All heavy atoms as atom14 arrays in JSON, in Angstrom:
{
  "sequence": "SPRIQAKLARQGMALPLVEEALASLQASGCRRVVVLSLFFANGKE",
  "atom14_mask": [
    [1, 1, 1, 1, 1, 1, 0, 0, 0, 0, 0, 0, 0, 0],
    [1, 1, 1, 1, 1, 1, 1, 0, 0, 0, 0, 0, 0, 0],
    [1, 1, 1, 1, 1, 1, 1, 1, 1, 1, 1, 0, 0, 0],
    [1, 1, 1, 1, 1, 1, 1, 1, 0, 0, 0, 0, 0, 0],
    [1, 1, 1, 1, 1, 1, 1, 1, 1, 0, 0, 0, 0, 0],
    [1, 1, 1, 1, 1, 0, 0, 0, 0, 0, 0, 0, 0, 0],
    [1, 1, 1, 1, 1, 1, 1, 1, 1, 0, 0, 0, 0, 0],
    [1, 1, 1, 1, 1, 1, 1, 1, 0, 0, 0, 0, 0, 0],
    [1, 1, 1, 1, 1, 0, 0, 0, 0, 0, 0, 0, 0, 0],
    [1, 1, 1, 1, 1, 1, 1, 1, 1, 1, 1, 0, 0, 0],
    [1, 1, 1, 1, 1, 1, 1, 1, 1, 0, 0, 0, 0, 0],
    [1, 1, 1, 1, 0, 0, 0, 0, 0, 0, 0, 0, 0, 0],
    [1, 1, 1, 1, 1, 1, 1, 1, 0, 0, 0, 0, 0, 0],
    [1, 1, 1, 1, 1, 0, 0, 0, 0, 0, 0, 0, 0, 0],
    [1, 1, 1, 1, 1, 1, 1, 1, 0, 0, 0, 0, 0, 0],
    [1, 1, 1, 1, 1, 1, 1, 0, 0, 0, 0, 0, 0, 0],
    [1, 1, 1, 1, 1, 1, 1, 1, 0, 0, 0, 0, 0, 0],
    [1, 1, 1, 1, 1, 1, 1, 0, 0, 0, 0, 0, 0, 0],
    [1, 1, 1, 1, 1, 1, 1, 1, 1, 0, 0, 0, 0, 0],
    [1, 1, 1, 1, 1, 1, 1, 1, 1, 0, 0, 0, 0, 0],
    [1, 1, 1, 1, 1, 0, 0, 0, 0, 0, 0, 0, 0, 0],
    [1, 1, 1, 1, 1, 1, 1, 1, 0, 0, 0, 0, 0, 0],
    [1, 1, 1, 1, 1, 0, 0, 0, 0, 0, 0, 0, 0, 0],
    [1, 1, 1, 1, 1, 1, 0, 0, 0, 0, 0, 0, 0, 0],
    [1, 1, 1, 1, 1, 1, 1, 1, 0, 0, 0, 0, 0, 0],
    [1, 1, 1, 1, 1, 1, 1, 1, 1, 0, 0, 0, 0, 0],
    [1, 1, 1, 1, 1, 0, 0, 0, 0, 0, 0, 0, 0, 0],
    [1, 1, 1, 1, 1, 1, 0, 0, 0, 0, 0, 0, 0, 0],
    [1, 1, 1, 1, 0, 0, 0, 0, 0, 0, 0, 0, 0, 0],
    [1, 1, 1, 1, 1, 1, 0, 0, 0, 0, 0, 0, 0, 0],
    [1, 1, 1, 1, 1, 1, 1, 1, 1, 1, 1, 0, 0, 0],
    [1, 1, 1, 1, 1, 1, 1, 1, 1, 1, 1, 0, 0, 0],
    [1, 1, 1, 1, 1, 1, 1, 0, 0, 0, 0, 0, 0, 0],
    [1, 1, 1, 1, 1, 1, 1, 0, 0, 0, 0, 0, 0, 0],
    [1, 1, 1, 1, 1, 1, 1, 0, 0, 0, 0, 0, 0, 0],
    [1, 1, 1, 1, 1, 1, 1, 1, 0, 0, 0, 0, 0, 0],
    [1, 1, 1, 1, 1, 1, 0, 0, 0, 0, 0, 0, 0, 0],
    [1, 1, 1, 1, 1, 1, 1, 1, 0, 0, 0, 0, 0, 0],
    [1, 1, 1, 1, 1, 1, 1, 1, 1, 1, 1, 0, 0, 0],
    [1, 1, 1, 1, 1, 1, 1, 1, 1, 1, 1, 0, 0, 0],
    [1, 1, 1, 1, 1, 0, 0, 0, 0, 0, 0, 0, 0, 0],
    [1, 1, 1, 1, 1, 1, 1, 1, 0, 0, 0, 0, 0, 0],
    [1, 1, 1, 1, 0, 0, 0, 0, 0, 0, 0, 0, 0, 0],
    [1, 1, 1, 1, 1, 1, 1, 1, 1, 0, 0, 0, 0, 0],
    [1, 1, 1, 1, 1, 1, 1, 1, 1, 0, 0, 0, 0, 0]
  ],
  "atom14_positions": [
    [[-76.45, -95.17, 53.13], [-76.1, -94.54, 54.4], [-76.64, -95.32, 55.6], [-77.86, -95.39, 55.8], [-76.66, -93.11, 54.43], [-76.54, -92.56, 55.73], [0.0, 0.0, 0.0], [0.0, 0.0, 0.0], [0.0, 0.0, 0.0], [0.0, 0.0, 0.0], [0.0, 0.0, 0.0], [0.0, 0.0, 0.0], [0.0, 0.0, 0.0], [0.0, 0.0, 0.0]],
    [[-75.76, -95.86, 56.46], [-76.22, -96.5, 57.69], [-76.96, -95.53, 58.61], [-77.89, -95.92, 59.32], [-74.92, -96.99, 58.34], [-73.96, -97.12, 57.21], [-74.3, -96.0, 56.27], [0.0, 0.0, 0.0], [0.0, 0.0, 0.0], [0.0, 0.0, 0.0], [0.0, 0.0, 0.0], [0.0, 0.0, 0.0], [0.0, 0.0, 0.0], [0.0, 0.0, 0.0]],
    [[-76.56, -94.26, 58.59], [-77.21, -93.26, 59.44], [-78.66, -93.06, 59.01], [-79.57, -93.03, 59.85], [-76.44, -91.93, 59.36], [-77.07, -90.8, 60.14], [-76.21, -89.56, 60.07], [-76.01, -89.11, 58.72], [-76.88, -88.31, 58.07], [-77.99, -87.9, 58.67], [-76.63, -87.91, 56.84], [0.0, 0.0, 0.0], [0.0, 0.0, 0.0], [0.0, 0.0, 0.0]],
    [[-78.9, -92.93, 57.71], [-80.26, -92.79, 57.21], [-81.05, -94.06, 57.47], [-82.23, -94.02, 57.85], [-80.25, -92.45, 55.71], [-79.58, -91.1, 55.46], [-81.67, -92.46, 55.14], [-80.31, -89.91, 56.07], [0.0, 0.0, 0.0], [0.0, 0.0, 0.0], [0.0, 0.0, 0.0], [0.0, 0.0, 0.0], [0.0, 0.0, 0.0], [0.0, 0.0, 0.0]],
    [[-80.42, -95.21, 57.29], [-81.08, -96.48, 57.54], [-81.6, -96.55, 58.98], [-82.74, -96.94, 59.23], [-80.12, -97.64, 57.29], [-80.76, -99.03, 57.49], [-79.72, -100.13, 57.61], [-78.69, -99.96, 58.27], [-79.98, -101.27, 56.98], [0.0, 0.0, 0.0], [0.0, 0.0, 0.0], [0.0, 0.0, 0.0], [0.0, 0.0, 0.0], [0.0, 0.0, 0.0]],
    [[-80.75, -96.16, 59.93], [-81.13, -96.22, 61.34], [-82.28, -95.27, 61.65], [-83.21, -95.61, 62.39], [-79.92, -95.91, 62.21], [0.0, 0.0, 0.0], [0.0, 0.0, 0.0], [0.0, 0.0, 0.0], [0.0, 0.0, 0.0], [0.0, 0.0, 0.0], [0.0, 0.0, 0.0], [0.0, 0.0, 0.0], [0.0, 0.0, 0.0], [0.0, 0.0, 0.0]],
    [[-82.23, -94.06, 61.08], [-83.28, -93.07, 61.35], [-84.62, -93.5, 60.76], [-85.67, -93.34, 61.39], [-82.87, -91.7, 60.8], [-81.75, -91.05, 61.6], [-81.46, -89.63, 61.11], [-80.41, -88.95, 61.98], [-80.15, -87.56, 61.56], [0.0, 0.0, 0.0], [0.0, 0.0, 0.0], [0.0, 0.0, 0.0], [0.0, 0.0, 0.0], [0.0, 0.0, 0.0]],
    [[-84.6, -94.07, 59.57], [-85.83, -94.55, 58.97], [-86.38, -95.75, 59.74], [-87.6, -95.89, 59.91], [-85.6, -94.92, 57.5], [-85.35, -93.76, 56.54], [-85.04, -94.28, 55.15], [-86.55, -92.81, 56.48], [0.0, 0.0, 0.0], [0.0, 0.0, 0.0], [0.0, 0.0, 0.0], [0.0, 0.0, 0.0], [0.0, 0.0, 0.0], [0.0, 0.0, 0.0]],
    [[-85.5, -96.62, 60.21], [-85.92, -97.8, 60.96], [-86.65, -97.4, 62.24], [-87.64, -98.05, 62.64], [-84.72, -98.68, 61.27], [0.0, 0.0, 0.0], [0.0, 0.0, 0.0], [0.0, 0.0, 0.0], [0.0, 0.0, 0.0], [0.0, 0.0, 0.0], [0.0, 0.0, 0.0], [0.0, 0.0, 0.0], [0.0, 0.0, 0.0], [0.0, 0.0, 0.0]],
    [[-86.18, -96.34, 62.88], [-86.84, -95.87, 64.11], [-88.25, -95.35, 63.83], [-89.07, -95.24, 64.74], [-86.0, -94.78, 64.78], [-84.74, -95.32, 65.45], [-84.13, -94.32, 66.4], [-83.54, -93.19, 65.72], [-82.27, -93.14, 65.32], [-81.46, -94.18, 65.53], [-81.79, -92.07, 64.72], [0.0, 0.0, 0.0], [0.0, 0.0, 0.0], [0.0, 0.0, 0.0]],
    [[-88.53, -95.03, 62.57], [-89.86, -94.56, 62.18], [-90.68, -95.67, 61.52], [-91.75, -95.42, 60.97], [-89.72, -93.39, 61.2], [-88.98, -92.19, 61.79], [-88.65, -91.15, 60.74], [-89.53, -90.46, 60.22], [-87.37, -91.04, 60.39], [0.0, 0.0, 0.0], [0.0, 0.0, 0.0], [0.0, 0.0, 0.0], [0.0, 0.0, 0.0], [0.0, 0.0, 0.0]],
    [[-90.17, -96.9, 61.57], [-90.92, -98.04, 61.07], [-90.65, -98.41, 59.63], [-91.32, -99.29, 59.08], [0.0, 0.0, 0.0], [0.0, 0.0, 0.0], [0.0, 0.0, 0.0], [0.0, 0.0, 0.0], [0.0, 0.0, 0.0], [0.0, 0.0, 0.0], [0.0, 0.0, 0.0], [0.0, 0.0, 0.0], [0.0, 0.0, 0.0], [0.0, 0.0, 0.0]],
    [[-89.66, -97.77, 58.98], [-89.32, -98.1, 57.6], [-87.99, -98.86, 57.6], [-86.93, -98.29, 57.81], [-89.21, -96.85, 56.73], [-88.8, -97.15, 55.28], [-88.71, -95.68, 54.23], [-90.45, -95.44, 53.84], [0.0, 0.0, 0.0], [0.0, 0.0, 0.0], [0.0, 0.0, 0.0], [0.0, 0.0, 0.0], [0.0, 0.0, 0.0], [0.0, 0.0, 0.0]],
    [[-88.07, -100.17, 57.36], [-86.87, -101.02, 57.38], [-86.37, -101.24, 55.95], [-87.07, -101.83, 55.13], [-87.18, -102.35, 58.04], [0.0, 0.0, 0.0], [0.0, 0.0, 0.0], [0.0, 0.0, 0.0], [0.0, 0.0, 0.0], [0.0, 0.0, 0.0], [0.0, 0.0, 0.0], [0.0, 0.0, 0.0], [0.0, 0.0, 0.0], [0.0, 0.0, 0.0]],
    [[-85.17, -100.76, 55.67], [-84.55, -100.93, 54.36], [-83.13, -101.43, 54.54], [-82.43, -101.01, 55.47], [-84.53, -99.61, 53.58], [-85.87, -99.09, 53.06], [-85.72, -97.68, 52.53], [-86.42, -100.01, 51.98], [0.0, 0.0, 0.0], [0.0, 0.0, 0.0], [0.0, 0.0, 0.0], [0.0, 0.0, 0.0], [0.0, 0.0, 0.0], [0.0, 0.0, 0.0]],
    [[-82.67, -102.32, 53.66], [-81.3, -102.82, 53.79], [-80.28, -101.83, 53.26], [-80.61, -100.93, 52.49], [-81.33, -104.09, 52.92], [-82.33, -103.76, 51.84], [-83.39, -102.93, 52.53], [0.0, 0.0, 0.0], [0.0, 0.0, 0.0], [0.0, 0.0, 0.0], [0.0, 0.0, 0.0], [0.0, 0.0, 0.0], [0.0, 0.0, 0.0], [0.0, 0.0, 0.0]],
    [[-79.04, -102.03, 53.65], [-77.94, -101.35, 53.01], [-77.61, -102.1, 51.72], [-78.1, -103.2, 51.48], [-76.73, -101.29, 53.94], [-76.9, -100.46, 55.21], [-75.68, -100.6, 56.1], [-77.17, -99.0, 54.89], [0.0, 0.0, 0.0], [0.0, 0.0, 0.0], [0.0, 0.0, 0.0], [0.0, 0.0, 0.0], [0.0, 0.0, 0.0], [0.0, 0.0, 0.0]],
    [[-76.77, -101.52, 50.89], [-76.51, -102.07, 49.55], [-76.01, -103.5, 49.61], [-76.54, -104.39, 48.92], [-75.49, -101.19, 48.8], [-75.09, -101.84, 47.48], [-76.08, -99.79, 48.54], [0.0, 0.0, 0.0], [0.0, 0.0, 0.0], [0.0, 0.0, 0.0], [0.0, 0.0, 0.0], [0.0, 0.0, 0.0], [0.0, 0.0, 0.0], [0.0, 0.0, 0.0]],
    [[-75.01, -103.77, 50.42], [-74.44, -105.11, 50.45], [-75.42, -106.11, 51.03], [-75.42, -107.29, 50.65], [-73.12, -105.09, 51.21], [-72.03, -104.31, 50.46], [-70.67, -104.47, 51.08], [-70.59, -104.56, 52.32], [-69.67, -104.5, 50.33], [0.0, 0.0, 0.0], [0.0, 0.0, 0.0], [0.0, 0.0, 0.0], [0.0, 0.0, 0.0], [0.0, 0.0, 0.0]],
    [[-76.26, -105.68, 51.96], [-77.3, -106.57, 52.49], [-78.3, -106.94, 51.4], [-78.74, -108.09, 51.3], [-78.02, -105.88, 53.66], [-77.13, -105.64, 54.87], [-77.78, -104.73, 55.91], [-78.75, -104.01, 55.57], [-77.3, -104.73, 57.06], [0.0, 0.0, 0.0], [0.0, 0.0, 0.0], [0.0, 0.0, 0.0], [0.0, 0.0, 0.0], [0.0, 0.0, 0.0]],
    [[-78.66, -105.97, 50.58], [-79.61, -106.23, 49.49], [-79.0, -107.15, 48.44], [-79.66, -108.05, 47.92], [-80.04, -104.91, 48.85], [0.0, 0.0, 0.0], [0.0, 0.0, 0.0], [0.0, 0.0, 0.0], [0.0, 0.0, 0.0], [0.0, 0.0, 0.0], [0.0, 0.0, 0.0], [0.0, 0.0, 0.0], [0.0, 0.0, 0.0], [0.0, 0.0, 0.0]],
    [[-77.73, -106.94, 48.11], [-77.07, -107.8, 47.14], [-76.98, -109.23, 47.65], [-77.17, -110.19, 46.89], [-75.67, -107.26, 46.83], [-75.62, -105.99, 45.98], [-74.2, -105.42, 45.95], [-76.12, -106.25, 44.56], [0.0, 0.0, 0.0], [0.0, 0.0, 0.0], [0.0, 0.0, 0.0], [0.0, 0.0, 0.0], [0.0, 0.0, 0.0], [0.0, 0.0, 0.0]],
    [[-76.7, -109.38, 48.94], [-76.64, -110.72, 49.53], [-78.0, -111.4, 49.46], [-78.09, -112.6, 49.18], [-76.16, -110.64, 50.98], [0.0, 0.0, 0.0], [0.0, 0.0, 0.0], [0.0, 0.0, 0.0], [0.0, 0.0, 0.0], [0.0, 0.0, 0.0], [0.0, 0.0, 0.0], [0.0, 0.0, 0.0], [0.0, 0.0, 0.0], [0.0, 0.0, 0.0]],
    [[-79.07, -110.62, 49.68], [-80.42, -111.18, 49.6], [-80.75, -111.62, 48.18], [-81.33, -112.7, 47.97], [-81.43, -110.13, 50.08], [-82.76, -110.59, 49.92], [0.0, 0.0, 0.0], [0.0, 0.0, 0.0], [0.0, 0.0, 0.0], [0.0, 0.0, 0.0], [0.0, 0.0, 0.0], [0.0, 0.0, 0.0], [0.0, 0.0, 0.0], [0.0, 0.0, 0.0]],
    [[-80.38, -110.82, 47.21], [-80.65, -111.18, 45.81], [-79.86, -112.42, 45.41], [-80.36, -113.3, 44.7], [-80.3, -110.0, 44.89], [-81.22, -108.78, 44.99], [-80.67, -107.64, 44.16], [-82.64, -109.12, 44.55], [0.0, 0.0, 0.0], [0.0, 0.0, 0.0], [0.0, 0.0, 0.0], [0.0, 0.0, 0.0], [0.0, 0.0, 0.0], [0.0, 0.0, 0.0]],
    [[-78.63, -112.49, 45.85], [-77.81, -113.65, 45.55], [-78.41, -114.91, 46.17], [-78.5, -115.96, 45.52], [-76.38, -113.45, 46.06], [-75.43, -114.6, 45.71], [-74.08, -114.44, 46.38], [-73.98, -113.91, 47.48], [-73.04, -114.91, 45.71], [0.0, 0.0, 0.0], [0.0, 0.0, 0.0], [0.0, 0.0, 0.0], [0.0, 0.0, 0.0], [0.0, 0.0, 0.0]],
    [[-78.87, -114.8, 47.41], [-79.47, -115.94, 48.1], [-80.77, -116.39, 47.43], [-81.14, -117.57, 47.49], [-79.73, -115.58, 49.56], [0.0, 0.0, 0.0], [0.0, 0.0, 0.0], [0.0, 0.0, 0.0], [0.0, 0.0, 0.0], [0.0, 0.0, 0.0], [0.0, 0.0, 0.0], [0.0, 0.0, 0.0], [0.0, 0.0, 0.0], [0.0, 0.0, 0.0]],
    [[-81.44, -115.44, 46.76], [-82.69, -115.76, 46.06], [-82.45, -116.4, 44.7], [-83.41, -116.76, 44.0], [-83.53, -114.49, 45.89], [-83.89, -113.95, 47.15], [0.0, 0.0, 0.0], [0.0, 0.0, 0.0], [0.0, 0.0, 0.0], [0.0, 0.0, 0.0], [0.0, 0.0, 0.0], [0.0, 0.0, 0.0], [0.0, 0.0, 0.0], [0.0, 0.0, 0.0]],
    [[-81.19, -116.49, 44.31], [-80.86, -117.11, 43.04], [-80.78, -116.17, 41.87], [-80.66, -116.61, 40.72], [0.0, 0.0, 0.0], [0.0, 0.0, 0.0], [0.0, 0.0, 0.0], [0.0, 0.0, 0.0], [0.0, 0.0, 0.0], [0.0, 0.0, 0.0], [0.0, 0.0, 0.0], [0.0, 0.0, 0.0], [0.0, 0.0, 0.0], [0.0, 0.0, 0.0]],
    [[-80.82, -114.86, 42.13], [-80.72, -113.89, 41.03], [-79.28, -113.87, 40.51], [-78.33, -113.83, 41.28], [-81.13, -112.5, 41.51], [-82.85, -112.4, 42.04], [0.0, 0.0, 0.0], [0.0, 0.0, 0.0], [0.0, 0.0, 0.0], [0.0, 0.0, 0.0], [0.0, 0.0, 0.0], [0.0, 0.0, 0.0], [0.0, 0.0, 0.0], [0.0, 0.0, 0.0]],
    [[-79.15, -113.86, 39.18], [-77.83, -113.91, 38.57], [-77.51, -112.68, 37.74], [-76.34, -112.38, 37.48], [-77.71, -115.15, 37.67], [-77.93, -116.47, 38.37], [-76.99, -116.65, 39.54], [-75.6, -116.48, 39.14], [-74.62, -116.15, 39.98], [-74.87, -115.93, 41.25], [-73.38, -116.03, 39.54], [0.0, 0.0, 0.0], [0.0, 0.0, 0.0], [0.0, 0.0, 0.0]],
    [[-78.53, -111.97, 37.27], [-78.33, -110.79, 36.41], [-79.1, -109.62, 37.01], [-80.33, -109.58, 36.95], [-78.77, -111.11, 34.98], [-77.89, -112.14, 34.29], [-78.46, -112.64, 32.99], [-79.7, -113.38, 33.2], [-79.73, -114.66, 33.6], [-78.61, -115.32, 33.82], [-80.88, -115.28, 33.77], [0.0, 0.0, 0.0], [0.0, 0.0, 0.0], [0.0, 0.0, 0.0]],
    [[-78.36, -108.67, 37.56], [-78.95, -107.6, 38.36], [-78.6, -106.23, 37.77], [-77.44, -105.98, 37.43], [-78.46, -107.67, 39.82], [-79.09, -106.55, 40.66], [-78.77, -109.04, 40.43], [0.0, 0.0, 0.0], [0.0, 0.0, 0.0], [0.0, 0.0, 0.0], [0.0, 0.0, 0.0], [0.0, 0.0, 0.0], [0.0, 0.0, 0.0], [0.0, 0.0, 0.0]],
    [[-79.6, -105.37, 37.67], [-79.39, -103.97, 37.32], [-79.55, -103.13, 38.58], [-80.56, -103.26, 39.3], [-80.38, -103.49, 36.25], [-80.27, -101.97, 36.06], [-80.12, -104.19, 34.93], [0.0, 0.0, 0.0], [0.0, 0.0, 0.0], [0.0, 0.0, 0.0], [0.0, 0.0, 0.0], [0.0, 0.0, 0.0], [0.0, 0.0, 0.0], [0.0, 0.0, 0.0]],
    [[-78.56, -102.31, 38.87], [-78.61, -101.4, 40.03], [-78.94, -100.01, 39.52], [-78.13, -99.38, 38.84], [-77.27, -101.4, 40.8], [-77.37, -100.48, 42.02], [-76.9, -102.82, 41.21], [0.0, 0.0, 0.0], [0.0, 0.0, 0.0], [0.0, 0.0, 0.0], [0.0, 0.0, 0.0], [0.0, 0.0, 0.0], [0.0, 0.0, 0.0], [0.0, 0.0, 0.0]],
    [[-80.14, -99.54, 39.83], [-80.57, -98.19, 39.44], [-80.17, -97.23, 40.55], [-80.76, -97.24, 41.64], [-82.08, -98.16, 39.22], [-82.69, -96.79, 38.9], [-82.13, -96.23, 37.6], [-84.21, -96.87, 38.86], [0.0, 0.0, 0.0], [0.0, 0.0, 0.0], [0.0, 0.0, 0.0], [0.0, 0.0, 0.0], [0.0, 0.0, 0.0], [0.0, 0.0, 0.0]],
    [[-79.17, -96.41, 40.29], [-78.69, -95.48, 41.32], [-79.43, -94.16, 41.21], [-79.41, -93.52, 40.16], [-77.18, -95.26, 41.17], [-76.87, -94.64, 39.94], [0.0, 0.0, 0.0], [0.0, 0.0, 0.0], [0.0, 0.0, 0.0], [0.0, 0.0, 0.0], [0.0, 0.0, 0.0], [0.0, 0.0, 0.0], [0.0, 0.0, 0.0], [0.0, 0.0, 0.0]],
    [[-80.07, -93.77, 42.29], [-80.8, -92.5, 42.32], [-79.88, -91.4, 42.85], [-80.06, -90.86, 43.93], [-82.06, -92.63, 43.18], [-83.04, -93.74, 42.77], [-84.31, -93.67, 43.62], [-83.38, -93.65, 41.29], [0.0, 0.0, 0.0], [0.0, 0.0, 0.0], [0.0, 0.0, 0.0], [0.0, 0.0, 0.0], [0.0, 0.0, 0.0], [0.0, 0.0, 0.0]],
    [[-78.87, -91.1, 42.03], [-77.89, -90.08, 42.37], [-77.91, -89.0, 41.31], [-77.98, -89.29, 40.11], [-76.49, -90.67, 42.5], [-76.27, -91.44, 43.77], [-76.76, -92.72, 43.91], [-75.58, -90.87, 44.82], [-76.58, -93.43, 45.09], [-75.38, -91.56, 46.0], [-75.89, -92.85, 46.14], [0.0, 0.0, 0.0], [0.0, 0.0, 0.0], [0.0, 0.0, 0.0]],
    [[-77.81, -87.77, 41.74], [-77.86, -86.65, 40.82], [-76.51, -86.39, 40.17], [-76.42, -86.12, 38.98], [-78.34, -85.39, 41.56], [-78.76, -84.28, 40.64], [-80.05, -84.26, 40.12], [-77.89, -83.28, 40.28], [-80.44, -83.25, 39.26], [-78.28, -82.27, 39.42], [-79.56, -82.26, 38.91], [0.0, 0.0, 0.0], [0.0, 0.0, 0.0], [0.0, 0.0, 0.0]],
    [[-75.46, -86.47, 40.97], [-74.12, -86.17, 40.46], [-73.09, -87.03, 41.17], [-73.37, -87.68, 42.18], [-73.8, -84.69, 40.66], [0.0, 0.0, 0.0], [0.0, 0.0, 0.0], [0.0, 0.0, 0.0], [0.0, 0.0, 0.0], [0.0, 0.0, 0.0], [0.0, 0.0, 0.0], [0.0, 0.0, 0.0], [0.0, 0.0, 0.0], [0.0, 0.0, 0.0]],
    [[-71.88, -87.04, 40.63], [-70.78, -87.76, 41.27], [-70.48, -87.16, 42.64], [-70.72, -85.98, 42.9], [-69.52, -87.68, 40.4], [-69.58, -88.61, 39.21], [-69.8, -89.81, 39.38], [-69.41, -88.08, 38.01], [0.0, 0.0, 0.0], [0.0, 0.0, 0.0], [0.0, 0.0, 0.0], [0.0, 0.0, 0.0], [0.0, 0.0, 0.0], [0.0, 0.0, 0.0]],
    [[-69.94, -87.99, 43.51], [-69.57, -87.55, 44.85], [-69.11, -88.73, 45.68], [-68.97, -89.85, 45.18], [0.0, 0.0, 0.0], [0.0, 0.0, 0.0], [0.0, 0.0, 0.0], [0.0, 0.0, 0.0], [0.0, 0.0, 0.0], [0.0, 0.0, 0.0], [0.0, 0.0, 0.0], [0.0, 0.0, 0.0], [0.0, 0.0, 0.0], [0.0, 0.0, 0.0]],
    [[-68.88, -88.51, 46.96], [-68.35, -89.57, 47.82], [-69.29, -90.76, 47.93], [-68.86, -91.92, 47.92], [-68.05, -89.0, 49.21], [-66.86, -88.04, 49.25], [-66.59, -87.57, 50.67], [-65.37, -86.63, 50.7], [-65.09, -86.15, 52.08], [0.0, 0.0, 0.0], [0.0, 0.0, 0.0], [0.0, 0.0, 0.0], [0.0, 0.0, 0.0], [0.0, 0.0, 0.0]],
    [[-70.59, -90.49, 48.06], [-71.54, -91.6, 48.2], [-71.59, -92.43, 46.92], [-71.71, -93.66, 46.97], [-72.94, -91.07, 48.55], [-73.08, -90.59, 49.97], [-72.87, -91.7, 51.0], [-73.4, -92.8, 50.79], [-72.17, -91.45, 51.99], [0.0, 0.0, 0.0], [0.0, 0.0, 0.0], [0.0, 0.0, 0.0], [0.0, 0.0, 0.0], [0.0, 0.0, 0.0]]
  ]
}
């Protein structure tokens, strides 16, 4: 969520969005990645 990202950033917690994080991992040379999704159930997100 960009909205949650912005609100946390205003409180001093800087976290990337998903595609930003994937780009960072790719740039670091990572080739095999597991994405642990902290989701309870299916939905739009």
